[in-house]
C-alpha atoms as a PDB file:
ATOM      1  CA  MET A   1     -30.569  10.908 -38.437  1.00  0.00           C
ATOM      2  CA  THR A   2     -29.219  10.416 -41.926  1.00  0.00           C
ATOM      3  CA  PRO A   3     -28.488   6.932 -43.325  1.00  0.00           C
ATOM      4  CA  ALA A   4     -24.753   7.686 -43.120  1.00  0.00           C
ATOM      5  CA  ASN A   5     -25.025   8.565 -39.424  1.00  0.00           C
ATOM      6  CA  ARG A   6     -27.015   5.421 -38.708  1.00  0.00           C
ATOM      7  CA  ARG A   7     -24.430   3.352 -40.545  1.00  0.00           C
ATOM      8  CA  ASN A   8     -21.590   4.971 -38.580  1.00  0.00           C
ATOM      9  CA  LEU A   9     -23.443   4.402 -35.306  1.00  0.00           C
ATOM     10  CA  ARG A  10     -24.039   0.744 -36.170  1.00  0.00           C
ATOM     11  CA  ASN A  11     -20.414   0.195 -37.142  1.00  0.00           C
ATOM     12  CA  GLY A  12     -19.195   1.951 -34.000  1.00  0.00           C
ATOM     13  CA  LEU A  13     -21.414  -0.196 -31.780  1.00  0.00           C
ATOM     14  CA  LEU A  14     -20.261  -3.361 -33.547  1.00  0.00           C
ATOM     15  CA  PHE A  15     -16.610  -2.447 -33.009  1.00  0.00           C
ATOM     16  CA  ALA A  16     -17.293  -1.612 -29.348  1.00  0.00           C
ATOM     17  CA  LEU A  17     -19.471  -4.697 -28.789  1.00  0.00           C
ATOM     18  CA  PRO A  18     -16.671  -7.039 -27.584  1.00  0.00           C
ATOM     19  CA  TRP A  19     -15.583  -4.449 -25.014  1.00  0.00           C
ATOM     20  CA  LEU A  20     -19.185  -3.793 -23.920  1.00  0.00           C
ATOM     21  CA  VAL A  21     -19.831  -7.545 -23.521  1.00  0.00           C
ATOM     22  CA  GLY A  22     -16.617  -7.951 -21.544  1.00  0.00           C
ATOM     23  CA  LEU A  23     -17.443  -4.957 -19.340  1.00  0.00           C
ATOM     24  CA  SER A  24     -20.949  -6.220 -18.636  1.00  0.00           C
ATOM     25  CA  THR A  25     -19.870  -9.818 -17.985  1.00  0.00           C
ATOM     26  CA  PHE A  26     -16.717  -9.337 -15.945  1.00  0.00           C
ATOM     27  CA  LEU A  27     -17.275  -5.980 -14.240  1.00  0.00           C
ATOM     28  CA  ALA A  28     -20.803  -4.580 -14.230  1.00  0.00           C
ATOM     29  CA  TYR A  29     -22.572  -7.870 -13.410  1.00  0.00           C
ATOM     30  CA  PRO A  30     -20.252  -8.824 -10.491  1.00  0.00           C
ATOM     31  CA  ILE A  31     -20.539  -5.316  -9.009  1.00  0.00           C
ATOM     32  CA  LEU A  32     -24.335  -5.307  -9.153  1.00  0.00           C
ATOM     33  CA  SER A  33     -24.491  -8.899  -7.895  1.00  0.00           C
ATOM     34  CA  SER A  34     -22.279  -8.095  -4.913  1.00  0.00           C
ATOM     35  CA  LEU A  35     -24.565  -5.175  -4.037  1.00  0.00           C
ATOM     36  CA  TYR A  36     -27.584  -7.504  -4.085  1.00  0.00           C
ATOM     37  CA  TYR A  37     -25.784 -10.244  -2.126  1.00  0.00           C
ATOM     38  CA  SER A  38     -24.786  -7.736   0.557  1.00  0.00           C
ATOM     39  CA  PHE A  39     -28.457  -7.671   1.561  1.00  0.00           C
ATOM     40  CA  CYS A  40     -28.729 -11.467   1.556  1.00  0.00           C
ATOM     41  CA  ASN A  41     -27.753 -14.458   3.647  1.00  0.00           C
ATOM     42  CA  TYR A  42     -25.685 -16.191   0.976  1.00  0.00           C
ATOM     43  CA  SER A  43     -23.252 -19.041   1.551  1.00  0.00           C
ATOM     44  CA  THR A  44     -22.457 -19.726  -2.166  1.00  0.00           C
ATOM     45  CA  LEU A  45     -23.759 -23.298  -1.609  1.00  0.00           C
ATOM     46  CA  GLN A  46     -27.420 -22.369  -1.324  1.00  0.00           C
ATOM     47  CA  PRO A  47     -29.607 -19.752  -2.989  1.00  0.00           C
ATOM     48  CA  PRO A  48     -29.391 -16.272  -1.431  1.00  0.00           C
ATOM     49  CA  VAL A  49     -32.072 -15.270   1.067  1.00  0.00           C
ATOM     50  CA  TRP A  50     -32.979 -11.600   1.403  1.00  0.00           C
ATOM     51  CA  ILE A  51     -32.324 -10.292   4.950  1.00  0.00           C
ATOM     52  CA  GLY A  52     -32.199  -6.546   4.332  1.00  0.00           C
ATOM     53  CA  LEU A  53     -29.646  -4.584   6.370  1.00  0.00           C
ATOM     54  CA  GLN A  54     -28.803  -7.420   8.762  1.00  0.00           C
ATOM     55  CA  ASN A  55     -25.285  -7.907   7.359  1.00  0.00           C
ATOM     56  CA  TYR A  56     -24.523  -4.232   7.887  1.00  0.00           C
ATOM     57  CA  ARG A  57     -25.893  -4.394  11.438  1.00  0.00           C
ATOM     58  CA  ASP A  58     -23.688  -7.409  12.142  1.00  0.00           C
ATOM     59  CA  ILE A  59     -20.668  -5.465  10.893  1.00  0.00           C
ATOM     60  CA  LEU A  60     -21.248  -2.830  13.560  1.00  0.00           C
ATOM     61  CA  HIS A  61     -20.999  -5.498  16.290  1.00  0.00           C
ATOM     62  CA  ASP A  62     -18.113  -7.509  14.834  1.00  0.00           C
ATOM     63  CA  ARG A  63     -15.050  -7.065  17.060  1.00  0.00           C
ATOM     64  CA  LEU A  64     -12.673  -8.288  14.379  1.00  0.00           C
ATOM     65  CA  ILE A  65     -13.926  -5.623  11.972  1.00  0.00           C
ATOM     66  CA  TYR A  66     -12.537  -2.948  14.277  1.00  0.00           C
ATOM     67  CA  LYS A  67      -9.381  -4.993  14.856  1.00  0.00           C
ATOM     68  CA  SER A  68      -8.768  -5.314  11.124  1.00  0.00           C
ATOM     69  CA  LEU A  69      -9.524  -1.629  10.539  1.00  0.00           C
ATOM     70  CA  GLY A  70      -7.031  -0.682  13.248  1.00  0.00           C
ATOM     71  CA  ASN A  71      -4.382  -2.957  11.738  1.00  0.00           C
ATOM     72  CA  THR A  72      -5.015  -1.481   8.298  1.00  0.00           C
ATOM     73  CA  LEU A  73      -4.779   2.050   9.678  1.00  0.00           C
ATOM     74  CA  VAL A  74      -1.427   1.372  11.364  1.00  0.00           C
ATOM     75  CA  PHE A  75      -0.100  -0.411   8.281  1.00  0.00           C
ATOM     76  CA  GLY A  76      -1.201   2.450   6.037  1.00  0.00           C
ATOM     77  CA  ALA A  77       0.294   5.080   8.361  1.00  0.00           C
ATOM     78  CA  LEU A  78       3.656   3.319   8.041  1.00  0.00           C
ATOM     79  CA  ALA A  79       3.593   2.139   4.427  1.00  0.00           C
ATOM     80  CA  LEU A  80       2.022   5.087   2.600  1.00  0.00           C
ATOM     81  CA  PRO A  81       4.266   7.939   3.850  1.00  0.00           C
ATOM     82  CA  GLY A  82       7.289   5.625   3.770  1.00  0.00           C
ATOM     83  CA  SER A  83       6.664   4.688   0.140  1.00  0.00           C
ATOM     84  CA  ILE A  84       6.090   8.277  -0.975  1.00  0.00           C
ATOM     85  CA  VAL A  85       9.131   9.694   0.840  1.00  0.00           C
ATOM     86  CA  THR A  86      11.431   6.849  -0.232  1.00  0.00           C
ATOM     87  CA  ALA A  87      10.302   6.979  -3.862  1.00  0.00           C
ATOM     88  CA  MET A  88      10.706  10.754  -3.971  1.00  0.00           C
ATOM     89  CA  ALA A  89      14.146  10.623  -2.332  1.00  0.00           C
ATOM     90  CA  LEU A  90      15.390   8.016  -4.808  1.00  0.00           C
ATOM     91  CA  ALA A  91      13.932   9.960  -7.732  1.00  0.00           C
ATOM     92  CA  ILE A  92      15.678  13.159  -6.606  1.00  0.00           C
ATOM     93  CA  LEU A  93      18.919  11.216  -6.236  1.00  0.00           C
ATOM     94  CA  LEU A  94      18.617   9.698  -9.708  1.00  0.00           C
ATOM     95  CA  ASN A  95      17.705  13.073 -11.181  1.00  0.00           C
ATOM     96  CA  SER A  96      20.884  14.696  -9.843  1.00  0.00           C
ATOM     97  CA  GLY A  97      23.037  13.449 -12.711  1.00  0.00           C
ATOM     98  CA  VAL A  98      24.526  10.482 -10.881  1.00  0.00           C
ATOM     99  CA  ARG A  99      26.731   8.248 -13.011  1.00  0.00           C
ATOM    100  CA  GLY A 100      25.233   4.932 -14.073  1.00  0.00           C
ATOM    101  CA  LEU A 101      21.676   6.276 -13.950  1.00  0.00           C
ATOM    102  CA  PRO A 102      20.159   3.460 -16.101  1.00  0.00           C
ATOM    103  CA  ILE A 103      21.747   0.821 -13.868  1.00  0.00           C
ATOM    104  CA  PHE A 104      20.466   2.356 -10.621  1.00  0.00           C
ATOM    105  CA  ARG A 105      17.054   2.992 -12.144  1.00  0.00           C
ATOM    106  CA  THR A 106      16.824  -0.673 -13.106  1.00  0.00           C
ATOM    107  CA  ILE A 107      17.963  -1.844  -9.659  1.00  0.00           C
ATOM    108  CA  PHE A 108      15.418   0.299  -7.847  1.00  0.00           C
ATOM    109  CA  TYR A 109      12.615  -0.616 -10.260  1.00  0.00           C
ATOM    110  CA  LEU A 110      13.159  -4.401 -10.199  1.00  0.00           C
ATOM    111  CA  PRO A 111      11.388  -5.067  -6.847  1.00  0.00           C
ATOM    112  CA  CYS A 112       8.046  -3.860  -8.216  1.00  0.00           C
ATOM    113  CA  LEU A 113       8.327  -6.493 -10.970  1.00  0.00           C
ATOM    114  CA  VAL A 114       8.597  -9.280  -8.404  1.00  0.00           C
ATOM    115  CA  PRO A 115       5.191 -10.963  -7.942  1.00  0.00           C
ATOM    116  CA  ALA A 116       3.540 -10.231  -4.599  1.00  0.00           C
ATOM    117  CA  VAL A 117       3.584 -13.916  -3.620  1.00  0.00           C
ATOM    118  CA  ALA A 118       7.315 -14.196  -4.346  1.00  0.00           C
ATOM    119  CA  SER A 119       8.106 -11.006  -2.412  1.00  0.00           C
ATOM    120  CA  ALA A 120       6.063 -12.260   0.559  1.00  0.00           C
ATOM    121  CA  MET A 121       7.914 -15.584   0.548  1.00  0.00           C
ATOM    122  CA  LEU A 122      11.178 -13.654   0.409  1.00  0.00           C
ATOM    123  CA  GLY A 123       9.956 -11.550   3.319  1.00  0.00           C
ATOM    124  CA  LEU A 124       9.382 -14.695   5.395  1.00  0.00           C
ATOM    125  CA  TRP A 125      13.112 -15.451   5.129  1.00  0.00           C
ATOM    126  CA  VAL A 126      14.400 -11.892   5.417  1.00  0.00           C
ATOM    127  CA  PHE A 127      12.326 -11.169   8.539  1.00  0.00           C
ATOM    128  CA  ASN A 128      12.844 -14.549  10.192  1.00  0.00           C
ATOM    129  CA  GLY A 129      13.678 -13.812  13.822  1.00  0.00           C
ATOM    130  CA  GLN A 130      16.314 -16.552  14.150  1.00  0.00           C
ATOM    131  CA  TYR A 131      17.784 -17.129  10.703  1.00  0.00           C
ATOM    132  CA  GLY A 132      16.765 -14.029   8.751  1.00  0.00           C
ATOM    133  CA  VAL A 133      19.262 -12.002   6.754  1.00  0.00           C
ATOM    134  CA  LEU A 134      18.075  -8.734   8.288  1.00  0.00           C
ATOM    135  CA  ASN A 135      18.508  -9.883  11.884  1.00  0.00           C
ATOM    136  CA  TYR A 136      21.918 -11.346  11.021  1.00  0.00           C
ATOM    137  CA  ALA A 137      23.044  -7.915   9.783  1.00  0.00           C
ATOM    138  CA  LEU A 138      21.462  -6.147  12.759  1.00  0.00           C
ATOM    139  CA  GLY A 139      23.165  -8.607  15.122  1.00  0.00           C
ATOM    140  CA  LYS A 140      26.538  -7.674  13.645  1.00  0.00           C
ATOM    141  CA  LEU A 141      25.673  -4.032  14.315  1.00  0.00           C
ATOM    142  CA  PHE A 142      24.328  -4.533  17.851  1.00  0.00           C
ATOM    143  CA  ASP A 143      27.232  -6.648  19.154  1.00  0.00           C
ATOM    144  CA  PRO A 144      29.866  -3.866  19.119  1.00  0.00           C
ATOM    145  CA  LEU A 145      27.205  -1.370  20.228  1.00  0.00           C
ATOM    146  CA  ASN A 146      26.345  -3.502  23.285  1.00  0.00           C
ATOM    147  CA  HIS A 147      30.044  -3.876  24.035  1.00  0.00           C
ATOM    148  CA  ALA A 148      30.603  -0.118  23.852  1.00  0.00           C
ATOM    149  CA  ILE A 149      27.565   0.727  25.995  1.00  0.00           C
ATOM    150  CA  ASN A 150      28.384  -1.849  28.681  1.00  0.00           C
ATOM    151  CA  GLY A 151      32.015  -0.713  28.660  1.00  0.00           C
ATOM    152  CA  GLY A 152      30.919   2.861  29.233  1.00  0.00           C
ATOM    153  CA  LEU A 153      28.550   1.820  32.015  1.00  0.00           C
ATOM    154  CA  GLY A 154      31.402  -0.109  33.630  1.00  0.00           C
ATOM    155  CA  LEU A 155      33.629   2.959  33.621  1.00  0.00           C
ATOM    156  CA  LEU A 156      30.831   4.882  35.308  1.00  0.00           C
ATOM    157  CA  GLY A 157      30.492   2.195  37.950  1.00  0.00           C
ATOM    158  CA  VAL A 158      27.004   1.110  36.829  1.00  0.00           C
ATOM    159  CA  ALA A 159      26.395  -2.593  37.442  1.00  0.00           C
ATOM    160  CA  SER A 160      23.509  -3.048  34.996  1.00  0.00           C
ATOM    161  CA  THR A 161      24.073  -4.724  31.648  1.00  0.00           C
ATOM    162  CA  VAL A 162      22.490  -3.562  28.400  1.00  0.00           C
ATOM    163  CA  HIS A 163      21.703  -6.115  25.715  1.00  0.00           C
ATOM    164  CA  LEU A 164      20.219  -4.738  22.516  1.00  0.00           C
ATOM    165  CA  SER A 165      18.928  -7.403  20.138  1.00  0.00           C
ATOM    166  CA  PRO A 166      17.058  -7.383  16.832  1.00  0.00           C
ATOM    167  CA  PRO A 167      13.266  -7.745  17.011  1.00  0.00           C
ATOM    168  CA  SER A 168      11.513 -11.013  16.254  1.00  0.00           C
ATOM    169  CA  TRP A 169       9.579  -9.260  13.461  1.00  0.00           C
ATOM    170  CA  LEU A 170       6.971 -11.764  12.231  1.00  0.00           C
ATOM    171  CA  ALA A 171       6.750 -13.510  15.604  1.00  0.00           C
ATOM    172  CA  ASP A 172       6.151 -10.266  17.511  1.00  0.00           C
ATOM    173  CA  PRO A 173       2.760  -8.492  17.208  1.00  0.00           C
ATOM    174  CA  ARG A 174       4.501  -5.141  17.690  1.00  0.00           C
ATOM    175  CA  TRP A 175       6.819  -5.634  14.720  1.00  0.00           C
ATOM    176  CA  ALA A 176       4.716  -7.649  12.261  1.00  0.00           C
ATOM    177  CA  LYS A 177       2.980  -4.618  10.723  1.00  0.00           C
ATOM    178  CA  PRO A 178       6.248  -2.656  10.366  1.00  0.00           C
ATOM    179  CA  ALA A 179       7.647  -5.695   8.536  1.00  0.00           C
ATOM    180  CA  LEU A 180       4.683  -5.625   6.135  1.00  0.00           C
ATOM    181  CA  ALA A 181       5.208  -1.885   5.670  1.00  0.00           C
ATOM    182  CA  ILE A 182       8.906  -2.394   4.858  1.00  0.00           C
ATOM    183  CA  LEU A 183       7.941  -4.993   2.246  1.00  0.00           C
ATOM    184  CA  SER A 184       5.493  -2.508   0.745  1.00  0.00           C
ATOM    185  CA  ILE A 185       8.129   0.245   0.671  1.00  0.00           C
ATOM    186  CA  TRP A 186      10.597  -2.164  -0.959  1.00  0.00           C
ATOM    187  CA  GLY A 187       8.293  -2.451  -3.980  1.00  0.00           C
ATOM    188  CA  MET A 188       7.883   1.291  -4.633  1.00  0.00           C
ATOM    189  CA  GLY A 189       9.895   1.244  -7.904  1.00  0.00           C
ATOM    190  CA  GLY A 190       6.878   2.174 -10.018  1.00  0.00           C
ATOM    191  CA  THR A 191       6.188   5.220  -7.846  1.00  0.00           C
ATOM    192  CA  MET A 192       9.855   6.210  -8.094  1.00  0.00           C
ATOM    193  CA  VAL A 193       9.661   6.193 -11.907  1.00  0.00           C
ATOM    194  CA  ILE A 194       6.576   8.440 -11.774  1.00  0.00           C
ATOM    195  CA  TYR A 195       8.420  10.928  -9.545  1.00  0.00           C
ATOM    196  CA  LEU A 196      11.467  10.760 -11.778  1.00  0.00           C
ATOM    197  CA  ALA A 197       9.335  11.621 -14.809  1.00  0.00           C
ATOM    198  CA  GLY A 198       7.785  14.501 -12.879  1.00  0.00           C
ATOM    199  CA  LEU A 199      11.182  15.829 -11.853  1.00  0.00           C
ATOM    200  CA  GLN A 200      12.389  15.844 -15.434  1.00  0.00           C
ATOM    201  CA  ASP A 201       9.410  18.030 -16.378  1.00  0.00           C
ATOM    202  CA  VAL A 202      10.275  20.766 -13.838  1.00  0.00           C
ATOM    203  CA  PRO A 203      11.382  23.861 -15.832  1.00  0.00           C
ATOM    204  CA  GLN A 204      15.098  24.428 -15.390  1.00  0.00           C
ATOM    205  CA  GLU A 205      14.644  28.197 -15.529  1.00  0.00           C
ATOM    206  CA  LEU A 206      12.883  28.030 -12.161  1.00  0.00           C
ATOM    207  CA  TYR A 207      15.951  26.430 -10.604  1.00  0.00           C
ATOM    208  CA  GLU A 208      18.188  29.030 -12.272  1.00  0.00           C
ATOM    209  CA  ALA A 209      16.043  31.908 -11.020  1.00  0.00           C
ATOM    210  CA  ALA A 210      16.026  30.480  -7.493  1.00  0.00           C
ATOM    211  CA  GLU A 211      19.797  30.008  -7.579  1.00  0.00           C
ATOM    212  CA  ILE A 212      20.287  33.610  -8.727  1.00  0.00           C
ATOM    213  CA  ASP A 213      18.156  34.725  -5.760  1.00  0.00           C
ATOM    214  CA  GLY A 214      20.562  32.877  -3.463  1.00  0.00           C
ATOM    215  CA  ALA A 215      18.381  29.854  -2.682  1.00  0.00           C
ATOM    216  CA  GLY A 216      20.303  26.796  -1.543  1.00  0.00           C
ATOM    217  CA  TRP A 217      19.481  23.166  -2.280  1.00  0.00           C
ATOM    218  CA  TRP A 218      16.962  22.881   0.545  1.00  0.00           C
ATOM    219  CA  ARG A 219      15.056  26.039  -0.375  1.00  0.00           C
ATOM    220  CA  ARG A 220      15.001  25.033  -4.056  1.00  0.00           C
ATOM    221  CA  LEU A 221      13.513  21.704  -2.971  1.00  0.00           C
ATOM    222  CA  LEU A 222      10.800  23.340  -0.841  1.00  0.00           C
ATOM    223  CA  HIS A 223       9.876  26.240  -3.117  1.00  0.00           C
ATOM    224  CA  VAL A 224      10.494  24.849  -6.611  1.00  0.00           C
ATOM    225  CA  THR A 225      10.646  21.048  -6.679  1.00  0.00           C
ATOM    226  CA  LEU A 226       7.793  20.164  -4.326  1.00  0.00           C
ATOM    227  CA  PRO A 227       5.274  22.684  -5.765  1.00  0.00           C
ATOM    228  CA  CYS A 228       6.019  21.479  -9.288  1.00  0.00           C
ATOM    229  CA  LEU A 229       5.686  17.863  -8.111  1.00  0.00           C
ATOM    230  CA  SER A 230       2.431  18.500  -6.231  1.00  0.00           C
ATOM    231  CA  PRO A 231       0.194  16.939  -8.955  1.00  0.00           C
ATOM    232  CA  VAL A 232       2.371  13.811  -8.922  1.00  0.00           C
ATOM    233  CA  ILE A 233       2.381  13.696  -5.116  1.00  0.00           C
ATOM    234  CA  TYR A 234      -1.397  14.064  -5.090  1.00  0.00           C
ATOM    235  CA  PHE A 235      -1.817  11.252  -7.625  1.00  0.00           C
ATOM    236  CA  THR A 236       0.501   8.857  -5.750  1.00  0.00           C
ATOM    237  CA  LEU A 237      -1.205   9.759  -2.458  1.00  0.00           C
ATOM    238  CA  ILE A 238      -4.661   8.822  -3.781  1.00  0.00           C
ATOM    239  CA  MET A 239      -3.450   5.630  -5.471  1.00  0.00           C
ATOM    240  CA  GLY A 240      -1.394   4.658  -2.416  1.00  0.00           C
ATOM    241  CA  LEU A 241      -4.377   5.260  -0.135  1.00  0.00           C
ATOM    242  CA  ILE A 242      -6.499   2.907  -2.229  1.00  0.00           C
ATOM    243  CA  GLY A 243      -3.659   0.379  -2.328  1.00  0.00           C
ATOM    244  CA  VAL A 244      -3.090   0.172   1.440  1.00  0.00           C
ATOM    245  CA  LEU A 245      -6.812  -0.246   2.093  1.00  0.00           C
ATOM    246  CA  GLN A 246      -6.858  -3.189  -0.339  1.00  0.00           C
ATOM    247  CA  ALA A 247      -3.577  -4.785   0.841  1.00  0.00           C
ATOM    248  CA  PHE A 248      -4.044  -8.537   0.953  1.00  0.00           C
ATOM    249  CA  THR A 249      -1.474 -10.881  -0.617  1.00  0.00           C
ATOM    250  CA  GLN A 250       1.558 -10.302   1.584  1.00  0.00           C
ATOM    251  CA  ALA A 251      -0.554 -10.183   4.748  1.00  0.00           C
ATOM    252  CA  TYR A 252      -2.231 -13.459   3.768  1.00  0.00           C
ATOM    253  CA  ILE A 253       1.051 -15.310   3.177  1.00  0.00           C
ATOM    254  CA  ILE A 254       2.940 -13.864   6.125  1.00  0.00           C
ATOM    255  CA  GLY A 255       0.010 -14.114   8.538  1.00  0.00           C
ATOM    256  CA  SER A 256      -1.109 -17.626   7.583  1.00  0.00           C
ATOM    257  CA  GLY A 257      -0.777 -20.399  10.133  1.00  0.00           C
ATOM    258  CA  PRO A 258       0.897 -23.778   9.555  1.00  0.00           C
ATOM    259  CA  LEU A 259      -2.239 -25.047   7.820  1.00  0.00           C
ATOM    260  CA  GLY A 260      -2.805 -21.843   5.862  1.00  0.00           C
ATOM    261  CA  GLY A 261      -5.792 -19.557   6.120  1.00  0.00           C
ATOM    262  CA  ALA A 262      -6.366 -15.921   7.003  1.00  0.00           C
ATOM    263  CA  ASN A 263      -5.246 -16.099  10.629  1.00  0.00           C
ATOM    264  CA  GLY A 264      -3.478 -12.745  10.831  1.00  0.00           C
ATOM    265  CA  ASN A 265      -0.605 -14.195  12.857  1.00  0.00           C
ATOM    266  CA  PRO A 266       0.930 -13.303  15.212  1.00  0.00           C
ATOM    267  CA  ALA A 267      -2.029 -12.590  17.510  1.00  0.00           C
ATOM    268  CA  GLN A 268      -4.127 -11.203  14.637  1.00  0.00           C
ATOM    269  CA  SER A 269      -1.666  -8.305  14.228  1.00  0.00           C
ATOM    270  CA  THR A 270      -1.537  -8.788  10.428  1.00  0.00           C
ATOM    271  CA  LEU A 271      -5.284  -9.284  10.009  1.00  0.00           C
ATOM    272  CA  LEU A 272      -5.895  -6.449   7.552  1.00  0.00           C
ATOM    273  CA  TYR A 273      -9.387  -5.490   6.444  1.00  0.00           C
ATOM    274  CA  ALA A 274      -9.135  -7.058   2.983  1.00  0.00           C
ATOM    275  CA  LEU A 275      -7.765 -10.243   4.532  1.00  0.00           C
ATOM    276  CA  TYR A 276     -10.684 -10.488   6.964  1.00  0.00           C
ATOM    277  CA  LEU A 277     -13.100  -9.797   4.099  1.00  0.00           C
ATOM    278  CA  TRP A 278     -11.602 -12.688   2.138  1.00  0.00           C
ATOM    279  CA  ALA A 279     -11.836 -14.978   5.160  1.00  0.00           C
ATOM    280  CA  GLN A 280     -15.531 -14.218   5.674  1.00  0.00           C
ATOM    281  CA  ALA A 281     -16.393 -14.739   2.007  1.00  0.00           C
ATOM    282  CA  PHE A 282     -14.230 -17.739   1.097  1.00  0.00           C
ATOM    283  CA  GLU A 283     -13.179 -19.472   4.323  1.00  0.00           C
ATOM    284  CA  TYR A 284     -16.385 -19.153   6.336  1.00  0.00           C
ATOM    285  CA  LEU A 285     -18.592 -19.092   3.202  1.00  0.00           C
ATOM    286  CA  ARG A 286     -20.429 -15.965   4.364  1.00  0.00           C
ATOM    287  CA  MET A 287     -20.495 -14.420   0.916  1.00  0.00           C
ATOM    288  CA  GLY A 288     -23.312 -12.003   1.734  1.00  0.00           C
ATOM    289  CA  TYR A 289     -21.427 -10.716   4.761  1.00  0.00           C
ATOM    290  CA  GLY A 290     -18.251 -10.447   2.680  1.00  0.00           C
ATOM    291  CA  CYS A 291     -20.080  -8.438   0.013  1.00  0.00           C
ATOM    292  CA  ALA A 292     -21.354  -6.072   2.700  1.00  0.00           C
ATOM    293  CA  MET A 293     -17.774  -5.653   3.933  1.00  0.00           C
ATOM    294  CA  ALA A 294     -16.655  -4.987   0.356  1.00  0.00           C
ATOM    295  CA  TRP A 295     -19.212  -2.228  -0.091  1.00  0.00           C
ATOM    296  CA  LEU A 296     -18.219  -0.757   3.264  1.00  0.00           C
ATOM    297  CA  LEU A 297     -14.616  -0.747   2.016  1.00  0.00           C
ATOM    298  CA  PHE A 298     -15.760   0.998  -1.167  1.00  0.00           C
ATOM    299  CA  MET A 299     -17.526   3.682   0.855  1.00  0.00           C
ATOM    300  CA  MET A 300     -14.439   4.164   3.036  1.00  0.00           C
ATOM    301  CA  ILE A 301     -12.243   4.568  -0.053  1.00  0.00           C
ATOM    302  CA  VAL A 302     -14.643   7.120  -1.551  1.00  0.00           C
ATOM    303  CA  ALA A 303     -14.852   9.049   1.734  1.00  0.00           C
ATOM    304  CA  LEU A 304     -11.087   9.126   2.275  1.00  0.00           C
ATOM    305  CA  THR A 305     -10.505  10.098  -1.354  1.00  0.00           C
ATOM    306  CA  LEU A 306     -12.932  13.007  -1.016  1.00  0.00           C
ATOM    307  CA  ILE A 307     -11.248  14.087   2.226  1.00  0.00           C
ATOM    308  CA  ALA A 308      -7.832  13.910   0.588  1.00  0.00           C
ATOM    309  CA  HIS A 309      -9.172  15.890  -2.368  1.00  0.00           C
ATOM    310  CA  ARG A 310     -10.537  18.640  -0.124  1.00  0.00           C
ATOM    311  CA  VAL A 311      -7.426  18.811   2.068  1.00  0.00           C
ATOM    312  CA  ALA A 312      -4.634  18.283  -0.455  1.00  0.00           C
ATOM    313  CA  GLY A 313      -6.337  19.175  -3.734  1.00  0.00           C
ATOM    314  CA  LYS A 314      -6.237  22.916  -2.950  1.00  0.00           C
ATOM    315  CA  ARG A 315      -2.462  22.759  -2.532  1.00  0.00           C
ATOM    316  CA  VAL A 316      -1.820  21.213  -5.929  1.00  0.00           C
ATOM    317  CA  VAL A 317      -0.065  23.562  -8.352  1.00  0.00           C
ATOM    318  CA  TYR A 318      -0.523  22.899 -12.059  1.00  0.00           C
ATOM    319  CA  ALA A 319       2.008  24.470 -14.380  1.00  0.00           C
ATOM    320  CA  ALA A 320       0.592  26.654 -17.108  1.00  0.00           C
END
């Protein structure tokens, strides 16, 4: 190595040194420490004690692990497709030359700028079963519907009475996870902007050729728009999959009891995996067990990402 090369290497390392120190201190060291602690009995108040694979064995027999995984699966099945479809639909609408495009784009993007804590607090009021704005609007819709149904049953001589009412949302275990999913879909403005950028990169000549061949709007969507958007859909699918598995803030605030804490109310229906991990590590001071849960989550994310890559990656079309 010539003196000039050595000097360039030294200068490059000096310029990169602050980033390398930051990476080692705030990322590499915590990751390696969590891997070590996952094999230890560690309460954060006393030195860690090596116990081998015991934490991972305990995970296999923890009933709430399976409960939280089931909750996370249901939440993800509602939130992930809902976010992708809603974001794509809004992007297609905004890309159709609608008047006032900057205004609508700003309106749809604003929710993703709202902090997660603020949006969860807003969700507590919107989804309140007695005084919530959503149930007030649904009540106005159900009242004439009940009247019409009961009137029709009366004309048919049926004595039964139908009374449709809005759900209790956050007080009902059946509706708590859909409420969390709706909150997640409400904040999909960033995904919408990504789809909008992808739509604007679709070659117009493809639409013109399809229109000449007699393809209507629906066929142009299926055979031109979606194939050209497949890399964007694949990217948002992977990122959304990671996001729903790590969902925490809104579930913590909405599912907390009167005294706070990761309770997963009502009836542990909002106890997501990341929320239960946090409870084990910071409420029950089982940091070693929490680290084992974190590494299990990492392995699940890697496995699901590889599955998604094998299933959906082959269907991605990259323009030349």
